[in-house]
């Protein structure tokens, strides 16, 4: 349906709420940048949670296979359909875009 931009003041509460809604979710993480093109970091791995640490200004995506950290995010956008959240796009301070695709939408 539509992309929604989150404000930094919303990150911590939003990711806590989203993580509580996870039930055996699988995620694919892709990193996009002009210098490297599109690089898949993972392919449908079990997702444990997503969190934001305000003092460190870091978003952490925790899975059974890897931990993926994005320092000083400049922008966070959530893609939501009628079925729920299906993608999260995070632009880091380095300009890299991190695209998290959920295999199944998560309803909040």
N, C-alpha and C. Protein backbone atom coordinates (compact mmCIF):
# COMPACT_ATOMS: atom_id res chain seq x y z
N UNK A 1 0.81 -1.19 0.00
CA UNK A 1 0.00 0.00 0.00
C UNK A 1 0.86 1.26 0.00
N UNK A 2 1.44 1.57 1.19
CA UNK A 2 2.16 2.85 1.26
C UNK A 2 3.36 2.75 2.19
N UNK A 3 4.33 3.62 1.90
CA UNK A 3 5.50 3.76 2.75
C UNK A 3 5.22 4.84 3.78
N UNK A 4 5.65 4.61 5.02
CA UNK A 4 5.48 5.59 6.09
C UNK A 4 6.85 5.86 6.70
N UNK A 5 7.20 7.13 6.80
CA UNK A 5 8.48 7.52 7.40
C UNK A 5 8.32 7.60 8.91
N UNK A 6 9.25 6.99 9.63
CA UNK A 6 9.28 7.10 11.08
C UNK A 6 10.22 8.23 11.49
N UNK A 7 9.86 8.93 12.53
CA UNK A 7 10.75 9.93 13.12
C UNK A 7 11.67 9.21 14.11
N UNK A 8 12.85 9.75 14.34
CA UNK A 8 13.79 9.11 15.25
C UNK A 8 13.19 8.88 16.62
N UNK A 9 12.36 9.78 17.08
CA UNK A 9 11.73 9.63 18.40
C UNK A 9 10.79 8.42 18.46
N UNK A 10 10.41 7.86 17.31
CA UNK A 10 9.51 6.70 17.25
C UNK A 10 10.25 5.37 17.14
N UNK A 11 11.52 5.39 16.77
CA UNK A 11 12.24 4.16 16.46
C UNK A 11 12.16 3.11 17.57
N UNK A 12 12.54 3.48 18.77
CA UNK A 12 12.64 2.50 19.85
C UNK A 12 11.31 1.83 20.13
N UNK A 13 10.26 2.61 20.35
CA UNK A 13 8.94 2.05 20.66
C UNK A 13 8.39 1.23 19.49
N UNK A 14 8.57 1.72 18.27
CA UNK A 14 8.05 1.02 17.10
C UNK A 14 8.71 -0.35 16.94
N UNK A 15 10.04 -0.39 17.00
CA UNK A 15 10.73 -1.66 16.81
C UNK A 15 10.47 -2.63 17.96
N UNK A 16 10.28 -2.12 19.18
CA UNK A 16 9.90 -2.99 20.30
C UNK A 16 8.54 -3.61 20.03
N UNK A 17 7.58 -2.81 19.59
CA UNK A 17 6.23 -3.30 19.31
C UNK A 17 6.26 -4.30 18.16
N UNK A 18 7.00 -3.99 17.10
CA UNK A 18 7.10 -4.88 15.96
C UNK A 18 7.73 -6.21 16.36
N UNK A 19 8.79 -6.16 17.13
CA UNK A 19 9.48 -7.39 17.54
C UNK A 19 8.58 -8.29 18.39
N UNK A 20 7.74 -7.69 19.21
CA UNK A 20 6.81 -8.49 20.03
C UNK A 20 5.77 -9.19 19.16
N UNK A 21 5.51 -8.67 17.97
CA UNK A 21 4.54 -9.27 17.06
C UNK A 21 5.14 -10.41 16.23
N UNK A 22 6.48 -10.55 16.24
CA UNK A 22 7.12 -11.59 15.45
C UNK A 22 6.77 -12.98 15.99
N UNK A 23 6.45 -13.88 15.07
CA UNK A 23 6.20 -15.28 15.41
C UNK A 23 6.84 -16.11 14.30
N UNK A 24 8.03 -16.59 14.52
CA UNK A 24 8.75 -17.40 13.53
C UNK A 24 8.89 -16.69 12.19
N UNK A 25 9.19 -15.40 12.24
CA UNK A 25 9.34 -14.62 11.02
C UNK A 25 10.65 -14.95 10.32
N UNK A 26 10.63 -14.81 9.02
CA UNK A 26 11.86 -14.96 8.23
C UNK A 26 12.09 -13.63 7.51
N UNK A 27 13.38 -13.27 7.41
CA UNK A 27 13.74 -11.98 6.83
C UNK A 27 14.84 -12.17 5.80
N UNK A 28 14.80 -11.31 4.78
CA UNK A 28 15.87 -11.22 3.81
C UNK A 28 16.40 -9.80 3.91
N UNK A 29 17.72 -9.64 4.00
CA UNK A 29 18.33 -8.31 4.13
C UNK A 29 19.16 -8.04 2.88
N UNK A 30 18.91 -6.87 2.29
CA UNK A 30 19.62 -6.45 1.10
C UNK A 30 20.23 -5.08 1.37
N UNK A 31 21.47 -4.88 0.98
CA UNK A 31 22.14 -3.59 1.13
C UNK A 31 22.34 -3.00 -0.26
N UNK A 32 21.90 -1.73 -0.43
CA UNK A 32 21.98 -1.06 -1.73
C UNK A 32 22.84 0.18 -1.61
N UNK A 33 23.78 0.32 -2.54
CA UNK A 33 24.61 1.53 -2.59
C UNK A 33 25.14 1.67 -4.01
N UNK A 34 25.35 2.89 -4.43
CA UNK A 34 25.86 3.15 -5.78
C UNK A 34 27.19 2.43 -5.98
N UNK A 35 28.05 2.46 -4.98
CA UNK A 35 29.40 1.89 -5.12
C UNK A 35 29.42 0.37 -5.19
N UNK A 36 28.42 -0.29 -4.58
CA UNK A 36 28.43 -1.76 -4.54
C UNK A 36 27.24 -2.40 -5.25
N UNK A 37 26.26 -1.60 -5.66
CA UNK A 37 25.05 -2.15 -6.25
C UNK A 37 24.19 -2.76 -5.16
N UNK A 38 23.36 -3.71 -5.53
CA UNK A 38 22.49 -4.40 -4.57
C UNK A 38 23.17 -5.69 -4.13
N UNK A 39 23.37 -5.82 -2.83
CA UNK A 39 24.03 -7.01 -2.28
C UNK A 39 23.11 -7.67 -1.26
N UNK A 40 22.75 -8.92 -1.50
CA UNK A 40 21.94 -9.65 -0.52
C UNK A 40 22.84 -10.08 0.63
N UNK A 41 22.47 -9.70 1.83
CA UNK A 41 23.21 -10.11 3.01
C UNK A 41 22.72 -11.47 3.50
N UNK A 42 21.42 -11.71 3.34
CA UNK A 42 20.82 -12.96 3.82
C UNK A 42 19.72 -13.39 2.87
N UNK A 43 19.31 -14.63 3.01
CA UNK A 43 18.16 -15.16 2.28
C UNK A 43 17.27 -15.90 3.27
N UNK A 44 16.15 -15.30 3.61
CA UNK A 44 15.09 -15.88 4.44
C UNK A 44 15.62 -16.64 5.65
N UNK A 45 16.21 -15.88 6.55
CA UNK A 45 16.72 -16.45 7.79
C UNK A 45 15.74 -16.12 8.93
N UNK A 46 15.71 -16.96 9.96
CA UNK A 46 14.82 -16.69 11.10
C UNK A 46 15.20 -15.39 11.81
N UNK A 47 14.20 -14.55 11.98
CA UNK A 47 14.39 -13.24 12.62
C UNK A 47 14.00 -13.32 14.08
N UNK A 48 14.86 -12.79 14.95
CA UNK A 48 14.57 -12.76 16.38
C UNK A 48 13.96 -11.42 16.77
N UNK A 49 14.55 -10.33 16.30
CA UNK A 49 14.00 -9.02 16.65
C UNK A 49 14.76 -7.87 16.02
N UNK A 50 14.16 -6.68 16.15
CA UNK A 50 14.77 -5.44 15.69
C UNK A 50 14.70 -4.46 16.85
N UNK A 51 15.80 -3.76 17.10
CA UNK A 51 15.80 -2.81 18.22
C UNK A 51 16.55 -1.54 17.83
N UNK A 52 16.30 -0.49 18.61
CA UNK A 52 17.01 0.78 18.43
C UNK A 52 17.59 1.17 19.77
N UNK A 53 18.88 1.48 19.78
CA UNK A 53 19.58 1.93 20.98
C UNK A 53 19.82 3.43 20.85
N UNK A 54 19.00 4.26 21.55
CA UNK A 54 19.14 5.72 21.39
C UNK A 54 20.51 6.28 21.74
N UNK A 55 21.15 5.87 22.86
CA UNK A 55 22.47 6.45 23.16
C UNK A 55 23.51 6.16 22.06
N UNK A 56 23.45 4.96 21.50
CA UNK A 56 24.40 4.57 20.45
C UNK A 56 23.91 4.96 19.06
N UNK A 57 22.63 5.34 18.97
CA UNK A 57 21.99 5.67 17.68
C UNK A 57 22.23 4.54 16.67
N UNK A 58 21.86 3.32 17.08
CA UNK A 58 22.09 2.14 16.26
C UNK A 58 20.84 1.27 16.21
N UNK A 59 20.47 0.87 14.98
CA UNK A 59 19.40 -0.10 14.79
C UNK A 59 20.06 -1.46 14.64
N UNK A 60 19.57 -2.44 15.36
CA UNK A 60 20.11 -3.80 15.30
C UNK A 60 19.04 -4.76 14.83
N UNK A 61 19.37 -5.55 13.83
CA UNK A 61 18.50 -6.61 13.34
C UNK A 61 19.15 -7.90 13.80
N UNK A 62 18.46 -8.63 14.66
CA UNK A 62 19.01 -9.83 15.27
C UNK A 62 18.32 -11.05 14.67
N UNK A 63 19.12 -11.96 14.13
CA UNK A 63 18.58 -13.19 13.56
C UNK A 63 19.35 -14.37 14.12
N UNK A 64 18.90 -15.56 13.77
CA UNK A 64 19.62 -16.75 14.22
C UNK A 64 20.97 -16.87 13.54
N UNK A 65 21.12 -16.27 12.36
CA UNK A 65 22.36 -16.43 11.59
C UNK A 65 23.35 -15.28 11.79
N UNK A 66 22.85 -14.03 11.78
CA UNK A 66 23.74 -12.87 11.89
C UNK A 66 23.07 -11.76 12.68
N UNK A 67 23.89 -10.85 13.15
CA UNK A 67 23.39 -9.59 13.70
C UNK A 67 23.82 -8.51 12.72
N UNK A 68 22.87 -7.68 12.33
CA UNK A 68 23.13 -6.64 11.33
C UNK A 68 22.88 -5.30 12.01
N UNK A 69 23.88 -4.42 12.04
CA UNK A 69 23.77 -3.14 12.75
C UNK A 69 23.87 -1.98 11.77
N UNK A 70 23.02 -0.98 11.99
CA UNK A 70 23.04 0.22 11.17
C UNK A 70 23.23 1.40 12.11
N UNK A 71 24.39 2.03 12.02
CA UNK A 71 24.71 3.15 12.91
C UNK A 71 24.20 4.47 12.34
N UNK A 72 23.68 5.28 13.23
CA UNK A 72 23.20 6.62 12.90
C UNK A 72 22.28 6.65 11.67
N UNK A 73 21.15 5.94 11.75
CA UNK A 73 20.22 5.94 10.61
C UNK A 73 19.73 7.35 10.31
N UNK A 74 19.71 7.69 9.02
CA UNK A 74 19.20 8.99 8.60
C UNK A 74 17.71 8.96 8.34
N UNK A 75 17.24 7.79 7.89
CA UNK A 75 15.82 7.68 7.56
C UNK A 75 15.37 6.23 7.72
N UNK A 76 14.15 6.06 8.26
CA UNK A 76 13.53 4.74 8.37
C UNK A 76 12.14 4.84 7.76
N UNK A 77 11.87 3.94 6.82
CA UNK A 77 10.55 3.89 6.20
C UNK A 77 9.99 2.48 6.34
N UNK A 78 8.71 2.41 6.65
CA UNK A 78 8.01 1.16 6.84
C UNK A 78 7.01 0.99 5.70
N UNK A 79 7.00 -0.18 5.08
CA UNK A 79 6.00 -0.46 4.04
C UNK A 79 4.94 -1.38 4.64
N UNK A 80 3.71 -0.90 4.61
CA UNK A 80 2.61 -1.65 5.21
C UNK A 80 1.52 -1.89 4.18
N UNK A 81 1.02 -3.12 4.16
CA UNK A 81 -0.10 -3.49 3.31
C UNK A 81 -1.31 -3.73 4.22
N UNK A 82 -2.43 -4.13 3.64
CA UNK A 82 -3.60 -4.48 4.46
C UNK A 82 -3.29 -5.63 5.41
N UNK A 83 -2.35 -6.49 5.01
CA UNK A 83 -1.98 -7.66 5.83
C UNK A 83 -0.96 -7.32 6.92
N UNK A 84 -0.29 -6.17 6.82
CA UNK A 84 0.69 -5.78 7.83
C UNK A 84 1.99 -5.28 7.22
N UNK A 85 3.01 -5.14 8.07
CA UNK A 85 4.33 -4.66 7.65
C UNK A 85 5.01 -5.76 6.85
N UNK A 86 5.49 -5.41 5.63
CA UNK A 86 6.20 -6.41 4.83
C UNK A 86 7.62 -6.01 4.47
N UNK A 87 7.97 -4.71 4.66
CA UNK A 87 9.33 -4.25 4.35
C UNK A 87 9.70 -3.06 5.22
N UNK A 88 10.99 -2.95 5.49
CA UNK A 88 11.53 -1.80 6.21
C UNK A 88 12.77 -1.35 5.45
N UNK A 89 12.82 -0.07 5.14
CA UNK A 89 14.00 0.47 4.45
C UNK A 89 14.67 1.48 5.37
N UNK A 90 15.95 1.26 5.62
CA UNK A 90 16.72 2.11 6.52
C UNK A 90 17.91 2.68 5.76
N UNK A 91 18.05 3.99 5.78
CA UNK A 91 19.21 4.64 5.16
C UNK A 91 20.19 5.00 6.28
N UNK A 92 21.39 4.45 6.20
CA UNK A 92 22.41 4.71 7.20
C UNK A 92 23.14 6.01 6.96
N UNK A 93 23.95 6.42 7.93
CA UNK A 93 24.74 7.65 7.82
C UNK A 93 25.69 7.60 6.63
N UNK A 94 26.09 6.39 6.23
CA UNK A 94 27.01 6.23 5.10
C UNK A 94 26.30 6.31 3.75
N UNK A 95 24.96 6.47 3.78
CA UNK A 95 24.19 6.55 2.54
C UNK A 95 23.72 5.20 2.02
N UNK A 96 24.19 4.11 2.62
CA UNK A 96 23.76 2.78 2.21
C UNK A 96 22.30 2.59 2.63
N UNK A 97 21.53 1.94 1.76
CA UNK A 97 20.15 1.61 2.08
C UNK A 97 20.08 0.14 2.44
N UNK A 98 19.44 -0.14 3.56
CA UNK A 98 19.28 -1.50 4.06
C UNK A 98 17.80 -1.84 3.92
N UNK A 99 17.50 -2.84 3.09
CA UNK A 99 16.12 -3.22 2.85
C UNK A 99 15.87 -4.56 3.52
N UNK A 100 14.94 -4.55 4.47
CA UNK A 100 14.54 -5.78 5.15
C UNK A 100 13.20 -6.19 4.59
N UNK A 101 13.14 -7.39 4.03
CA UNK A 101 11.89 -7.91 3.49
C UNK A 101 11.44 -9.04 4.38
N UNK A 102 10.21 -8.95 4.87
CA UNK A 102 9.63 -10.01 5.67
C UNK A 102 8.92 -10.99 4.74
N UNK A 103 9.16 -12.27 4.94
CA UNK A 103 8.55 -13.28 4.07
C UNK A 103 7.04 -13.23 4.16
N UNK A 104 6.52 -13.04 5.37
CA UNK A 104 5.09 -12.90 5.60
C UNK A 104 4.86 -11.56 6.31
N UNK A 105 3.84 -10.80 5.91
CA UNK A 105 3.56 -9.52 6.59
C UNK A 105 3.26 -9.74 8.08
N UNK A 106 3.64 -8.77 8.89
CA UNK A 106 3.43 -8.82 10.33
C UNK A 106 2.39 -7.77 10.69
N UNK A 107 1.32 -8.23 11.31
CA UNK A 107 0.25 -7.32 11.71
C UNK A 107 0.54 -6.75 13.09
N UNK A 108 0.36 -5.46 13.24
CA UNK A 108 0.57 -4.81 14.54
C UNK A 108 -0.77 -4.54 15.23
